[in-house]
């Protein structure tokens, strides 16, 4: 066994051969499995009966903490009453109630809610809506979509086309959407290393959209989609003024602006949405993950009235306006979980709680400055990243080793390349924030 091989004790009848794991080095994992068997509050239980603190809210999604009885009861009640209802030409009351709950916390005017089942589906839905909107208003030639380098917008063909993470794109490069361009990413180590909150440098990067418009002409561009904070690529914080500048340019040329808030939605920055936090309102918001505390797959797109009404009013009243949707859109059990989750957020003031804890989170994560291998630290709200120096010829191996050591010491972290990312549930307390980064510090000191 090497230093990273855990002494696991698994049931001899657990056959791991059939499950093809997503975004996982399957051979590596199955040689030394890390299995989670239970979860409650801030902690997971591992297969060897250890309690490990959840430093990343599952996958950025369990914002209200694990095992919430209100959500469990709501899902159970719904399943006993009705397990499924079709969403095409039929409806059920909880779908409309869930949409109203979500609409209440969206920016003013973004209260038309289209449900899907994952962040990837939400992104592809928003892109389709953008194209349908321009066609409905008589500008069907607006087909070009603008994403951003290092952006993660899911794994549908639309999402990886506008996304800008190279490994996600290269295997499918010959089949990506053709009319796509990309803004540059906003990260600059020279000008913004160890930033606390938004970097002061970089607003001008939004002006690259003007160059793209000049190249293609505004009359061909349907939408720009960006994550307000790029999460999966390693928590890239937008420079001061950058998002507002994007908004102004999009408005100037009649281009729709889409914020991908699959990660930042529902309190991660201390507000209901990143749009609210930054004071910049897009034309559409994609959301998923924390919409129902990840209890059952669910996502949504919030669109403004102009986008919605233009599409809905384009044809006769007996015609389908948008040929798009999913079998499980607004699934009854998912909708029940959504309503219960939104009620928890309001009742417990979890968005406000995240806002109050953000300074403590910032203090503790930046204490890692100067520790072994640390190259940069950045944070906003209750999300942050610690970037490590890569090993020569072996990028990603150092962060993976720290990730495993954290797991062994009682912390579930997340890594991408040589970046460690943190986004604890919003129920985290100050002592647990200290615990998270204390474990990271110890893991760094044990890593070559």
Protein backbone atom coordinates (compact mmCIF):
# COMPACT_ATOMS: atom_id res chain seq x y z
CA UNK A 1 0.00 0.00 0.00
CA UNK A 2 1.21 3.52 -0.71
CA UNK A 3 0.60 6.52 1.52
CA UNK A 4 -2.74 7.25 -0.09
CA UNK A 5 -4.20 3.74 0.11
CA UNK A 6 -6.69 3.54 2.92
CA UNK A 7 -7.18 0.51 5.09
CA UNK A 8 -10.76 -0.09 4.05
CA UNK A 9 -13.01 -2.79 5.37
CA UNK A 10 -15.76 -3.38 2.87
CA UNK A 11 -18.38 -6.05 2.68
CA UNK A 12 -17.14 -8.85 0.48
CA UNK A 13 -20.39 -8.81 -1.49
CA UNK A 14 -20.05 -5.16 -2.60
CA UNK A 15 -19.36 -5.43 -6.31
CA UNK A 16 -17.92 -2.16 -7.62
CA UNK A 17 -17.47 -3.30 -11.20
CA UNK A 18 -20.88 -2.25 -12.56
CA UNK A 19 -21.00 1.39 -11.46
CA UNK A 20 -19.21 3.69 -13.91
CA UNK A 21 -18.51 6.69 -11.71
CA UNK A 22 -18.82 10.25 -13.06
CA UNK A 23 -15.93 12.73 -13.01
CA UNK A 24 -13.87 10.13 -11.13
CA UNK A 25 -10.63 8.28 -11.75
CA UNK A 26 -12.44 4.95 -11.55
CA UNK A 27 -9.41 2.67 -11.28
CA UNK A 28 -7.83 4.86 -8.63
CA UNK A 29 -11.03 5.13 -6.59
CA UNK A 30 -11.92 1.45 -6.67
CA UNK A 31 -8.41 0.55 -5.51
CA UNK A 32 -8.97 2.62 -2.34
CA UNK A 33 -12.67 3.49 -2.00
CA UNK A 34 -14.07 6.35 0.04
CA UNK A 35 -17.68 5.44 0.77
CA UNK A 36 -20.25 7.59 2.56
CA UNK A 37 -23.02 5.72 4.36
CA UNK A 38 -24.86 8.39 6.33
CA UNK A 39 -25.24 12.13 6.81
CA UNK A 40 -26.67 14.45 9.44
CA UNK A 41 -26.23 18.16 9.97
CA UNK A 42 -22.64 19.13 9.14
CA UNK A 43 -21.24 15.59 9.06
CA UNK A 44 -21.03 12.53 6.85
CA UNK A 45 -20.56 9.01 8.18
CA UNK A 46 -18.02 6.90 6.31
CA UNK A 47 -18.12 3.17 5.63
CA UNK A 48 -15.65 2.64 8.48
CA UNK A 49 -17.98 4.52 10.85
CA UNK A 50 -16.07 7.80 11.11
CA UNK A 51 -17.68 11.23 11.27
CA UNK A 52 -16.20 13.66 8.76
CA UNK A 53 -17.15 17.31 8.49
CA UNK A 54 -18.66 18.36 5.18
CA UNK A 55 -16.50 21.20 3.89
CA UNK A 56 -18.25 21.53 0.53
CA UNK A 57 -21.99 21.02 1.13
CA UNK A 58 -21.89 17.75 -0.77
CA UNK A 59 -21.22 19.21 -4.22
CA UNK A 60 -22.02 22.85 -3.42
CA UNK A 61 -25.63 21.82 -2.90
CA UNK A 62 -26.65 20.82 0.66
CA UNK A 63 -26.94 24.39 1.91
CA UNK A 64 -29.36 23.66 4.75
CA UNK A 65 -27.31 20.76 6.11
CA UNK A 66 -27.94 17.05 5.88
CA UNK A 67 -30.94 15.01 6.99
CA UNK A 68 -33.46 17.83 7.42
CA UNK A 69 -36.62 16.31 8.85
CA UNK A 70 -38.87 18.94 7.26
CA UNK A 71 -37.69 17.92 3.80
CA UNK A 72 -37.90 14.22 4.56
CA UNK A 73 -41.46 14.56 5.81
CA UNK A 74 -42.53 16.67 2.82
CA UNK A 75 -41.15 14.16 0.33
CA UNK A 76 -42.66 11.21 2.20
CA UNK A 77 -46.07 12.87 2.36
CA UNK A 78 -46.02 13.65 -1.35
CA UNK A 79 -44.93 10.14 -2.32
CA UNK A 80 -47.79 8.63 -0.35
CA UNK A 81 -50.28 10.92 -2.10
CA UNK A 82 -48.91 10.92 -5.67
CA UNK A 83 -45.58 9.57 -6.85
CA UNK A 84 -45.57 11.15 -10.30
CA UNK A 85 -47.56 13.49 -12.50
CA UNK A 86 -46.83 14.26 -16.17
CA UNK A 87 -45.65 17.77 -16.86
CA UNK A 88 -46.73 17.95 -20.52
CA UNK A 89 -50.28 19.31 -20.91
CA UNK A 90 -50.92 18.44 -17.24
CA UNK A 91 -49.90 19.92 -13.91
CA UNK A 92 -50.02 19.41 -10.18
CA UNK A 93 -50.40 22.04 -7.43
CA UNK A 94 -46.92 21.72 -5.93
CA UNK A 95 -45.27 22.65 -9.23
CA UNK A 96 -46.99 26.04 -9.17
CA UNK A 97 -46.36 26.50 -5.45
CA UNK A 98 -42.67 25.67 -5.85
CA UNK A 99 -42.39 28.15 -8.71
CA UNK A 100 -43.96 30.85 -6.54
CA UNK A 101 -41.56 30.11 -3.67
CA UNK A 102 -38.54 30.39 -5.96
CA UNK A 103 -39.89 33.49 -7.69
CA UNK A 104 -40.25 35.28 -4.34
CA UNK A 105 -36.48 35.43 -3.86
CA UNK A 106 -35.42 36.09 -7.43
CA UNK A 107 -34.46 39.62 -8.53
CA UNK A 108 -37.43 41.82 -9.38
CA UNK A 109 -39.03 40.77 -12.63
CA UNK A 110 -37.30 37.38 -12.92
CA UNK A 111 -40.32 35.43 -11.75
CA UNK A 112 -41.16 33.12 -14.65
CA UNK A 113 -39.79 29.73 -13.59
CA UNK A 114 -39.09 26.79 -15.90
CA UNK A 115 -38.18 23.58 -14.04
CA UNK A 116 -35.62 20.97 -15.11
CA UNK A 117 -33.59 18.36 -13.23
CA UNK A 118 -29.92 19.37 -13.16
CA UNK A 119 -27.70 22.36 -13.64
CA UNK A 120 -26.73 21.05 -17.06
CA UNK A 121 -30.38 20.88 -18.09
CA UNK A 122 -31.02 24.35 -16.72
CA UNK A 123 -28.20 25.78 -18.82
CA UNK A 124 -29.35 24.07 -22.01
CA UNK A 125 -32.88 25.28 -21.23
CA UNK A 126 -31.72 28.88 -20.85
CA UNK A 127 -29.77 28.73 -24.11
CA UNK A 128 -32.82 27.37 -25.93
CA UNK A 129 -35.02 30.06 -24.40
CA UNK A 130 -32.58 32.72 -25.58
CA UNK A 131 -32.71 31.42 -29.15
CA UNK A 132 -36.50 31.09 -29.03
CA UNK A 133 -36.84 34.62 -27.70
CA UNK A 134 -34.94 36.21 -30.55
CA UNK A 135 -36.80 34.12 -33.12
CA UNK A 136 -40.13 35.14 -31.58
CA UNK A 137 -39.19 38.81 -31.84
CA UNK A 138 -38.22 38.49 -35.49
CA UNK A 139 -34.44 38.26 -35.08
CA UNK A 140 -33.91 34.56 -35.67
CA UNK A 141 -30.44 35.29 -37.06
CA UNK A 142 -29.27 35.87 -33.49
CA UNK A 143 -27.86 32.40 -32.91
CA UNK A 144 -24.39 33.03 -31.52
CA UNK A 145 -23.78 32.25 -27.85
CA UNK A 146 -20.94 33.72 -25.79
CA UNK A 147 -19.48 31.85 -22.84
CA UNK A 148 -16.26 32.33 -20.92
CA UNK A 149 -12.90 30.60 -20.66
CA UNK A 150 -12.66 28.41 -17.55
CA UNK A 151 -16.43 28.58 -17.24
CA UNK A 152 -18.36 25.48 -16.17
CA UNK A 153 -21.91 25.37 -17.47
CA UNK A 154 -22.68 21.69 -17.12
CA UNK A 155 -22.15 18.72 -19.41
CA UNK A 156 -24.91 19.00 -22.01
CA UNK A 157 -23.66 19.79 -25.48
CA UNK A 158 -24.90 23.34 -25.06
CA UNK A 159 -23.22 23.70 -21.70
CA UNK A 160 -19.83 22.34 -22.73
CA UNK A 161 -19.98 24.46 -25.90
CA UNK A 162 -20.34 27.72 -23.98
CA UNK A 163 -18.20 26.38 -21.15
CA UNK A 164 -14.47 26.91 -21.17
CA UNK A 165 -12.87 24.02 -19.28
CA UNK A 166 -10.58 22.25 -21.72
CA UNK A 167 -10.81 18.64 -20.45
CA UNK A 168 -14.61 18.82 -20.58
CA UNK A 169 -14.49 19.96 -24.21
CA UNK A 170 -11.68 18.11 -25.93
CA UNK A 171 -13.26 14.64 -26.20
CA UNK A 172 -16.32 16.17 -27.84
CA UNK A 173 -14.66 19.01 -29.72
CA UNK A 174 -15.89 17.91 -33.13
CA UNK A 175 -19.52 18.01 -32.07
CA UNK A 176 -19.84 21.21 -30.09
CA UNK A 177 -22.23 23.97 -31.11
CA UNK A 178 -20.69 25.91 -34.02
CA UNK A 179 -21.75 29.50 -33.28
CA UNK A 180 -19.99 30.04 -29.97
CA UNK A 181 -17.30 32.42 -28.77
CA UNK A 182 -15.68 32.97 -25.38
CA UNK A 183 -14.76 35.86 -23.15
CA UNK A 184 -11.43 35.60 -21.32
CA UNK A 185 -11.54 34.41 -17.73
CA UNK A 186 -11.05 36.95 -14.96
CA UNK A 187 -8.28 35.36 -12.89
CA UNK A 188 -4.88 37.03 -12.79
CA UNK A 189 -2.39 35.89 -10.19
CA UNK A 190 -0.07 38.85 -10.73
CA UNK A 191 -2.75 41.46 -10.04
CA UNK A 192 -5.13 39.61 -7.71
CA UNK A 193 -3.21 37.09 -5.61
CA UNK A 194 -4.60 36.45 -2.12
CA UNK A 195 -7.62 38.62 -2.80
CA UNK A 196 -10.23 38.98 -0.09
CA UNK A 197 -13.55 39.46 -1.79
CA UNK A 198 -13.62 41.07 -5.24
CA UNK A 199 -10.26 42.02 -6.77
CA UNK A 200 -9.86 45.69 -7.65
CA UNK A 201 -8.13 44.77 -10.92
CA UNK A 202 -9.94 43.40 -13.97
CA UNK A 203 -13.12 45.35 -14.74
CA UNK A 204 -11.72 46.07 -18.20
CA UNK A 205 -11.88 42.35 -19.08
CA UNK A 206 -15.61 42.81 -19.67
CA UNK A 207 -14.75 45.08 -22.58
CA UNK A 208 -13.63 42.00 -24.50
CA UNK A 209 -17.33 41.60 -25.23
CA UNK A 210 -17.11 44.77 -27.31
CA UNK A 211 -14.35 43.14 -29.38
CA UNK A 212 -16.47 40.02 -29.89
CA UNK A 213 -19.44 42.15 -30.94
CA UNK A 214 -17.26 44.00 -33.42
CA UNK A 215 -16.04 40.70 -34.85
CA UNK A 216 -19.41 38.97 -35.25
CA UNK A 217 -21.85 41.93 -35.20
CA UNK A 218 -24.44 42.27 -32.46
CA UNK A 219 -27.21 41.20 -34.84
CA UNK A 220 -25.86 37.62 -34.74
CA UNK A 221 -25.45 37.28 -30.96
CA UNK A 222 -28.26 35.82 -28.85
CA UNK A 223 -26.84 35.63 -25.34
CA UNK A 224 -23.88 35.84 -23.01
CA UNK A 225 -23.71 33.27 -20.20
CA UNK A 226 -21.31 33.53 -17.25
CA UNK A 227 -21.10 32.27 -13.71
CA UNK A 228 -21.12 35.35 -11.45
CA UNK A 229 -18.46 33.50 -9.45
CA UNK A 230 -16.84 30.67 -11.41
CA UNK A 231 -17.06 27.78 -8.98
CA UNK A 232 -16.03 24.43 -10.41
CA UNK A 233 -12.91 25.81 -12.06
CA UNK A 234 -11.55 26.90 -8.69
CA UNK A 235 -13.59 29.82 -7.28
CA UNK A 236 -12.71 32.74 -9.56
CA UNK A 237 -14.08 35.95 -8.06
CA UNK A 238 -15.32 38.63 -10.48
CA UNK A 239 -13.40 41.92 -10.39
CA UNK A 240 -15.13 45.00 -9.04
CA UNK A 241 -17.42 46.48 -11.70
CA UNK A 242 -16.96 43.57 -14.12
CA UNK A 243 -20.49 42.15 -13.99
CA UNK A 244 -22.11 45.56 -14.24
CA UNK A 245 -20.00 46.31 -17.27
CA UNK A 246 -21.15 43.06 -18.91
CA UNK A 247 -24.74 44.02 -18.15
CA UNK A 248 -24.31 47.43 -19.73
CA UNK A 249 -22.77 46.05 -22.92
CA UNK A 250 -25.45 43.39 -23.29
CA UNK A 251 -28.19 45.99 -22.84
CA UNK A 252 -26.51 48.28 -25.37
CA UNK A 253 -26.62 45.62 -28.10
CA UNK A 254 -29.86 43.80 -27.23
CA UNK A 255 -28.00 40.67 -26.10
CA UNK A 256 -29.52 38.56 -23.33
CA UNK A 257 -27.39 38.11 -20.20
CA UNK A 258 -27.64 34.79 -18.39
CA UNK A 259 -26.15 34.23 -14.95
CA UNK A 260 -25.35 30.60 -14.23
CA UNK A 261 -26.11 30.49 -10.51
CA UNK A 262 -26.18 26.73 -10.11
CA UNK A 263 -23.53 27.17 -7.39
CA UNK A 264 -24.09 30.74 -6.15
CA UNK A 265 -27.87 30.50 -5.84
CA UNK A 266 -29.61 30.14 -2.46
CA UNK A 267 -27.34 31.84 0.00
CA UNK A 268 -23.79 30.91 -0.93
CA UNK A 269 -22.77 34.59 -0.98
CA UNK A 270 -25.02 35.64 1.88
CA UNK A 271 -27.88 36.70 -0.39
CA UNK A 272 -30.57 34.73 -2.17
CA UNK A 273 -28.67 35.09 -5.45
CA UNK A 274 -25.34 36.40 -6.64
CA UNK A 275 -27.38 38.81 -8.75
CA UNK A 276 -28.71 40.36 -5.55
CA UNK A 277 -25.27 40.33 -3.94
CA UNK A 278 -23.60 42.15 -6.83
CA UNK A 279 -26.57 44.38 -7.60
CA UNK A 280 -26.63 43.26 -11.25
CA UNK A 281 -29.77 41.76 -12.74
CA UNK A 282 -29.47 39.44 -15.76
CA UNK A 283 -32.27 38.43 -18.11
CA UNK A 284 -32.19 34.83 -16.93
CA UNK A 285 -30.77 32.89 -14.00
CA UNK A 286 -30.04 29.18 -14.02
CA UNK A 287 -30.20 27.40 -10.68
CA UNK A 288 -30.06 23.86 -9.28
CA UNK A 289 -28.16 22.19 -6.42
CA UNK A 290 -29.45 24.04 -3.34
CA UNK A 291 -32.91 24.73 -4.79
CA UNK A 292 -34.21 21.81 -2.72
CA UNK A 293 -31.09 21.02 -0.68
CA UNK A 294 -30.15 18.32 -3.22
CA UNK A 295 -32.79 16.01 -1.79
CA UNK A 296 -34.07 15.02 -5.25
CA UNK A 297 -32.67 16.18 -8.61
CA UNK A 298 -34.17 19.53 -9.56
CA UNK A 299 -33.16 22.71 -11.35
CA UNK A 300 -34.80 25.76 -12.85
CA UNK A 301 -34.44 28.79 -15.06
CA UNK A 302 -35.84 32.14 -13.92
CA UNK A 303 -36.65 34.42 -16.85
CA UNK A 304 -37.80 38.01 -16.93
CA UNK A 305 -41.20 39.07 -18.21
CA UNK A 306 -39.92 40.35 -21.53
CA UNK A 307 -38.30 37.03 -22.42
CA UNK A 308 -41.25 34.97 -21.20
CA UNK A 309 -44.01 37.10 -22.67
CA UNK A 310 -42.33 37.47 -26.05
CA UNK A 311 -42.23 33.70 -26.48
CA UNK A 312 -45.64 32.99 -24.97
CA UNK A 313 -47.42 35.63 -27.06
CA UNK A 314 -45.75 34.81 -30.38
CA UNK A 315 -48.34 32.30 -31.55
CA UNK A 316 -52.00 31.34 -31.22
CA UNK A 317 -53.38 30.42 -27.82
CA UNK A 318 -53.76 26.73 -28.62
CA UNK A 319 -50.15 26.21 -29.75
CA UNK A 320 -47.17 25.00 -27.73
CA UNK A 321 -44.94 28.06 -27.38
CA UNK A 322 -41.64 26.36 -26.46
CA UNK A 323 -40.86 22.87 -27.70
CA UNK A 324 -38.74 21.93 -24.74
CA UNK A 325 -39.11 20.16 -21.39
CA UNK A 326 -38.36 17.01 -19.44
CA UNK A 327 -40.34 14.01 -18.22
CA UNK A 328 -39.35 14.89 -14.67
CA UNK A 329 -39.80 18.68 -14.83
CA UNK A 330 -41.30 19.77 -11.49
CA UNK A 331 -41.46 16.15 -10.27
CA UNK A 332 -43.94 16.10 -7.36
CA UNK A 333 -41.44 14.84 -4.79
CA UNK A 334 -38.77 17.27 -5.97
CA UNK A 335 -41.27 20.13 -5.79
CA UNK A 336 -42.23 19.11 -2.26
CA UNK A 337 -38.55 19.15 -1.28
CA UNK A 338 -38.14 22.56 -2.92
CA UNK A 339 -41.01 24.10 -0.96
CA UNK A 340 -39.77 22.63 2.33
CA UNK A 341 -36.23 23.84 1.63
CA UNK A 342 -37.30 27.37 0.77
CA UNK A 343 -39.28 27.46 4.01
CA UNK A 344 -36.18 26.42 5.97
CA UNK A 345 -34.11 29.14 4.34
CA UNK A 346 -36.66 31.74 5.37
CA UNK A 347 -37.49 30.40 8.83
CA UNK A 348 -33.86 29.98 9.90
CA UNK A 349 -32.49 33.02 8.09
CA UNK A 350 -29.73 30.94 6.51
CA UNK A 351 -28.83 33.51 3.87
CA UNK A 352 -28.34 36.14 6.58
CA UNK A 353 -26.41 33.61 8.64
CA UNK A 354 -24.03 33.00 5.73
CA UNK A 355 -23.49 36.72 5.39
CA UNK A 356 -22.57 37.04 9.07
CA UNK A 357 -20.20 34.06 8.92
CA UNK A 358 -18.40 35.23 5.76
CA UNK A 359 -15.80 37.36 7.65
CA UNK A 360 -14.89 34.41 9.87
CA UNK A 361 -14.60 32.15 6.83
CA UNK A 362 -12.35 34.72 5.16
CA UNK A 363 -10.12 35.02 8.22
CA UNK A 364 -9.66 31.28 8.63
CA UNK A 365 -9.03 30.41 4.98
CA UNK A 366 -6.43 33.19 4.65
CA UNK A 367 -4.56 31.84 7.69
CA UNK A 368 -3.29 29.21 5.26
CA UNK A 369 -1.18 31.82 3.50
CA UNK A 370 2.45 30.84 3.89
CA UNK A 371 1.69 27.19 4.59
CA UNK A 372 3.49 24.54 2.50
CA UNK A 373 2.71 24.59 -1.25
CA UNK A 374 0.11 27.38 -1.05
CA UNK A 375 0.18 29.57 -4.16
CA UNK A 376 -3.00 31.63 -3.78
CA UNK A 377 -6.14 32.00 -1.67
CA UNK A 378 -9.41 33.66 -2.71
CA UNK A 379 -12.86 33.85 -1.19
CA UNK A 380 -16.29 35.41 -1.29
CA UNK A 381 -19.22 34.69 0.98
CA UNK A 382 -19.05 31.08 2.13
CA UNK A 383 -16.97 29.85 -0.78
CA UNK A 384 -13.23 29.88 -1.19
CA UNK A 385 -10.26 28.23 -2.83
CA UNK A 386 -6.69 27.40 -1.89
CA UNK A 387 -4.50 27.00 -4.96
CA UNK A 388 -1.35 24.91 -4.62
CA UNK A 389 1.88 24.89 -6.55
CA UNK A 390 1.83 21.98 -8.98
CA UNK A 391 4.42 19.25 -8.95
CA UNK A 392 6.73 19.25 -11.94
CA UNK A 393 5.30 16.94 -14.56
CA UNK A 394 2.42 15.83 -12.34
CA UNK A 395 -0.24 18.53 -12.12
CA UNK A 396 -3.18 17.76 -9.88
CA UNK A 397 -1.43 15.09 -7.82
CA UNK A 398 -0.59 17.37 -4.91
CA UNK A 399 -4.16 18.61 -4.42
CA UNK A 400 -5.44 15.05 -4.72
CA UNK A 401 -3.05 13.93 -2.01
CA UNK A 402 -4.18 16.76 0.28
CA UNK A 403 -7.81 15.89 -0.49
CA UNK A 404 -7.26 12.27 0.60
CA UNK A 405 -5.33 13.27 3.71
CA UNK A 406 -8.17 15.62 4.66
CA UNK A 407 -10.61 12.75 4.29
CA UNK A 408 -8.46 10.57 6.50
CA UNK A 409 -8.32 13.33 9.11
CA UNK A 410 -12.07 13.94 9.15
CA UNK A 411 -12.85 16.49 6.41
CA UNK A 412 -14.53 16.17 3.04
CA UNK A 413 -13.00 18.81 0.78
CA UNK A 414 -13.13 19.20 -3.00
CA UNK A 415 -10.32 19.54 -5.50
CA UNK A 416 -9.98 20.46 -9.15
CA UNK A 417 -6.54 20.39 -10.69
CA UNK A 418 -4.30 21.73 -7.93
CA UNK A 419 -7.04 23.83 -6.35
CA UNK A 420 -8.84 22.93 -3.13
CA UNK A 421 -12.37 24.36 -2.93
CA UNK A 422 -14.54 24.90 0.13
CA UNK A 423 -18.25 25.70 0.45
CA UNK A 424 -19.69 24.36 3.73
CA UNK A 425 -23.41 24.14 4.44
CA UNK A 426 -24.85 27.44 5.60
CA UNK A 427 -25.55 25.92 9.04
CA UNK A 428 -21.80 25.78 9.74
CA UNK A 429 -20.64 27.48 12.94
CA UNK A 430 -17.43 29.36 13.69
CA UNK A 431 -15.83 26.42 15.47
CA UNK A 432 -16.49 24.16 12.49
CA UNK A 433 -14.98 26.71 10.12
CA UNK A 434 -11.85 26.68 12.29
CA UNK A 435 -11.90 22.87 12.26
CA UNK A 436 -12.09 22.73 8.46
CA UNK A 437 -9.02 24.84 7.87
CA UNK A 438 -7.09 23.35 10.77
CA UNK A 439 -7.42 19.96 9.09
CA UNK A 440 -6.33 21.44 5.76
CA UNK A 441 -3.25 22.96 7.42
CA UNK A 442 -2.28 19.62 8.94
CA UNK A 443 -2.77 17.86 5.58
CA UNK A 444 -0.59 20.41 3.82
CA UNK A 445 2.22 19.86 6.30
CA UNK A 446 2.12 16.11 5.64
CA UNK A 447 2.23 16.49 1.86
CA UNK A 448 5.44 16.61 -0.13
